[in-house]
Amino acid sequence: MTTDRDDLTAQAAAYALNTSTDAERAELDERRASDPALDLEIGEFAETAALLGLAVAPITPPASLRAAVLARLGLKVSDIDRWEL
């Protein structure tokens, strides 16, 4: 059984990961202005999320990946050569 606190924690995590809807973000923005514990929790989730990107060594994707992704989108490399990626 989940509690209201569990729901609020889940909403804080979604907010920190930028997966909340605009309405959810607005609601939490209003609530965190008067709830220091919620504000701290959102900050902690955001900090943890930022550190996750540093938890593994970066890799260089294979050269074929760009063409494969574009093919899935129905595009060719020559279609987007003029774009900056």
C-alpha atoms as a PDB file:
ATOM      1  CA  MET A   1       0.000   0.000   0.000  1.00  0.00           C
ATOM      2  CA  THR A   2       1.385   3.402  -0.949  1.00  0.00           C
ATOM      3  CA  THR A   3       1.060   6.482   1.186  1.00  0.00           C
ATOM      4  CA  ASP A   4       0.678  10.121   0.239  1.00  0.00           C
ATOM      5  CA  ARG A   5       4.376  10.520   1.106  1.00  0.00           C
ATOM      6  CA  ASP A   6       5.282   7.690  -1.286  1.00  0.00           C
ATOM      7  CA  ASP A   7       3.309   9.432  -4.024  1.00  0.00           C
ATOM      8  CA  LEU A   8       5.012  12.733  -3.266  1.00  0.00           C
ATOM      9  CA  THR A   9       8.432  11.059  -3.387  1.00  0.00           C
ATOM     10  CA  ALA A  10       7.595   9.552  -6.772  1.00  0.00           C
ATOM     11  CA  GLN A  11       6.453  12.962  -8.015  1.00  0.00           C
ATOM     12  CA  ALA A  12       9.666  14.546  -6.716  1.00  0.00           C
ATOM     13  CA  ALA A  13      11.742  11.982  -8.603  1.00  0.00           C
ATOM     14  CA  ALA A  14       9.768  12.550 -11.802  1.00  0.00           C
ATOM     15  CA  TYR A  15      10.198  16.314 -11.384  1.00  0.00           C
ATOM     16  CA  ALA A  16      13.961  15.973 -10.943  1.00  0.00           C
ATOM     17  CA  LEU A  17      14.184  13.751 -14.028  1.00  0.00           C
ATOM     18  CA  ASN A  18      12.096  16.264 -16.008  1.00  0.00           C
ATOM     19  CA  THR A  19       9.424  13.685 -16.775  1.00  0.00           C
ATOM     20  CA  SER A  20       6.546  15.522 -15.086  1.00  0.00           C
ATOM     21  CA  THR A  21       3.806  17.176 -17.064  1.00  0.00           C
ATOM     22  CA  ASP A  22       3.607  20.968 -17.014  1.00  0.00           C
ATOM     23  CA  ALA A  23       0.648  20.748 -14.636  1.00  0.00           C
ATOM     24  CA  GLU A  24       2.517  18.392 -12.289  1.00  0.00           C
ATOM     25  CA  ARG A  25       5.575  20.664 -12.322  1.00  0.00           C
ATOM     26  CA  ALA A  26       3.456  23.713 -11.548  1.00  0.00           C
ATOM     27  CA  GLU A  27       1.778  21.903  -8.657  1.00  0.00           C
ATOM     28  CA  LEU A  28       5.105  20.795  -7.214  1.00  0.00           C
ATOM     29  CA  ASP A  29       6.651  24.242  -7.734  1.00  0.00           C
ATOM     30  CA  GLU A  30       3.851  25.711  -5.648  1.00  0.00           C
ATOM     31  CA  ARG A  31       4.152  23.047  -2.972  1.00  0.00           C
ATOM     32  CA  ARG A  32       7.955  23.086  -2.727  1.00  0.00           C
ATOM     33  CA  ALA A  33       7.908  26.830  -2.105  1.00  0.00           C
ATOM     34  CA  SER A  34       6.404  26.116   1.317  1.00  0.00           C
ATOM     35  CA  ASP A  35       7.866  22.639   1.914  1.00  0.00           C
ATOM     36  CA  PRO A  36      11.623  22.722   2.512  1.00  0.00           C
ATOM     37  CA  ALA A  37      11.755  18.919   2.819  1.00  0.00           C
ATOM     38  CA  LEU A  38      10.207  18.507  -0.630  1.00  0.00           C
ATOM     39  CA  ASP A  39      12.538  21.103  -2.093  1.00  0.00           C
ATOM     40  CA  LEU A  40      15.519  19.251  -0.596  1.00  0.00           C
ATOM     41  CA  GLU A  41      14.256  15.901  -1.878  1.00  0.00           C
ATOM     42  CA  ILE A  42      13.877  17.233  -5.421  1.00  0.00           C
ATOM     43  CA  GLY A  43      17.387  18.671  -5.221  1.00  0.00           C
ATOM     44  CA  GLU A  44      18.796  15.358  -4.022  1.00  0.00           C
ATOM     45  CA  PHE A  45      17.075  13.462  -6.826  1.00  0.00           C
ATOM     46  CA  ALA A  46      18.401  15.968  -9.379  1.00  0.00           C
ATOM     47  CA  GLU A  47      21.928  15.661  -8.003  1.00  0.00           C
ATOM     48  CA  THR A  48      21.772  11.863  -8.089  1.00  0.00           C
ATOM     49  CA  ALA A  49      20.431  11.900 -11.646  1.00  0.00           C
ATOM     50  CA  ALA A  50      23.278  14.174 -12.741  1.00  0.00           C
ATOM     51  CA  LEU A  51      25.834  11.830 -11.174  1.00  0.00           C
ATOM     52  CA  LEU A  52      24.395   8.786 -12.948  1.00  0.00           C
ATOM     53  CA  GLY A  53      25.867  10.027 -16.202  1.00  0.00           C
ATOM     54  CA  LEU A  54      29.300   9.873 -14.619  1.00  0.00           C
ATOM     55  CA  ALA A  55      28.849   6.381 -13.188  1.00  0.00           C
ATOM     56  CA  VAL A  56      30.034   4.583 -16.302  1.00  0.00           C
ATOM     57  CA  ALA A  57      32.866   5.149 -18.720  1.00  0.00           C
ATOM     58  CA  PRO A  58      31.831   6.910 -21.932  1.00  0.00           C
ATOM     59  CA  ILE A  59      31.880   4.867 -25.100  1.00  0.00           C
ATOM     60  CA  THR A  60      32.194   5.835 -28.716  1.00  0.00           C
ATOM     61  CA  PRO A  61      29.253   4.470 -30.681  1.00  0.00           C
ATOM     62  CA  PRO A  62      29.982   2.512 -33.823  1.00  0.00           C
ATOM     63  CA  ALA A  63      30.157   4.593 -36.984  1.00  0.00           C
ATOM     64  CA  SER A  64      27.197   2.674 -38.404  1.00  0.00           C
ATOM     65  CA  LEU A  65      24.872   3.869 -35.628  1.00  0.00           C
ATOM     66  CA  ARG A  66      24.088   7.258 -37.199  1.00  0.00           C
ATOM     67  CA  ALA A  67      23.085   5.713 -40.506  1.00  0.00           C
ATOM     68  CA  ALA A  68      21.040   3.020 -38.747  1.00  0.00           C
ATOM     69  CA  VAL A  69      19.117   5.560 -36.673  1.00  0.00           C
ATOM     70  CA  LEU A  70      18.488   7.755 -39.694  1.00  0.00           C
ATOM     71  CA  ALA A  71      17.301   4.745 -41.679  1.00  0.00           C
ATOM     72  CA  ARG A  72      14.788   3.945 -38.922  1.00  0.00           C
ATOM     73  CA  LEU A  73      13.545   7.510 -39.298  1.00  0.00           C
ATOM     74  CA  GLY A  74      13.315   7.149 -43.053  1.00  0.00           C
ATOM     75  CA  LEU A  75      16.221   9.525 -43.675  1.00  0.00           C
ATOM     76  CA  LYS A  76      19.652   9.281 -45.247  1.00  0.00           C
ATOM     77  CA  VAL A  77      22.874  10.870 -44.083  1.00  0.00           C
ATOM     78  CA  SER A  78      22.815  13.035 -47.213  1.00  0.00           C
ATOM     79  CA  ASP A  79      19.370  14.331 -46.156  1.00  0.00           C
ATOM     80  CA  ILE A  80      20.800  15.929 -43.035  1.00  0.00           C
ATOM     81  CA  ASP A  81      24.378  16.788 -43.933  1.00  0.00           C
ATOM     82  CA  ARG A  82      23.389  20.439 -43.835  1.00  0.00           C
ATOM     83  CA  TRP A  83      22.161  20.088 -40.223  1.00  0.00           C
ATOM     84  CA  GLU A  84      24.383  20.546 -37.230  1.00  0.00           C
ATOM     85  CA  LEU A  85      24.242  17.613 -34.887  1.00  0.00           C
END
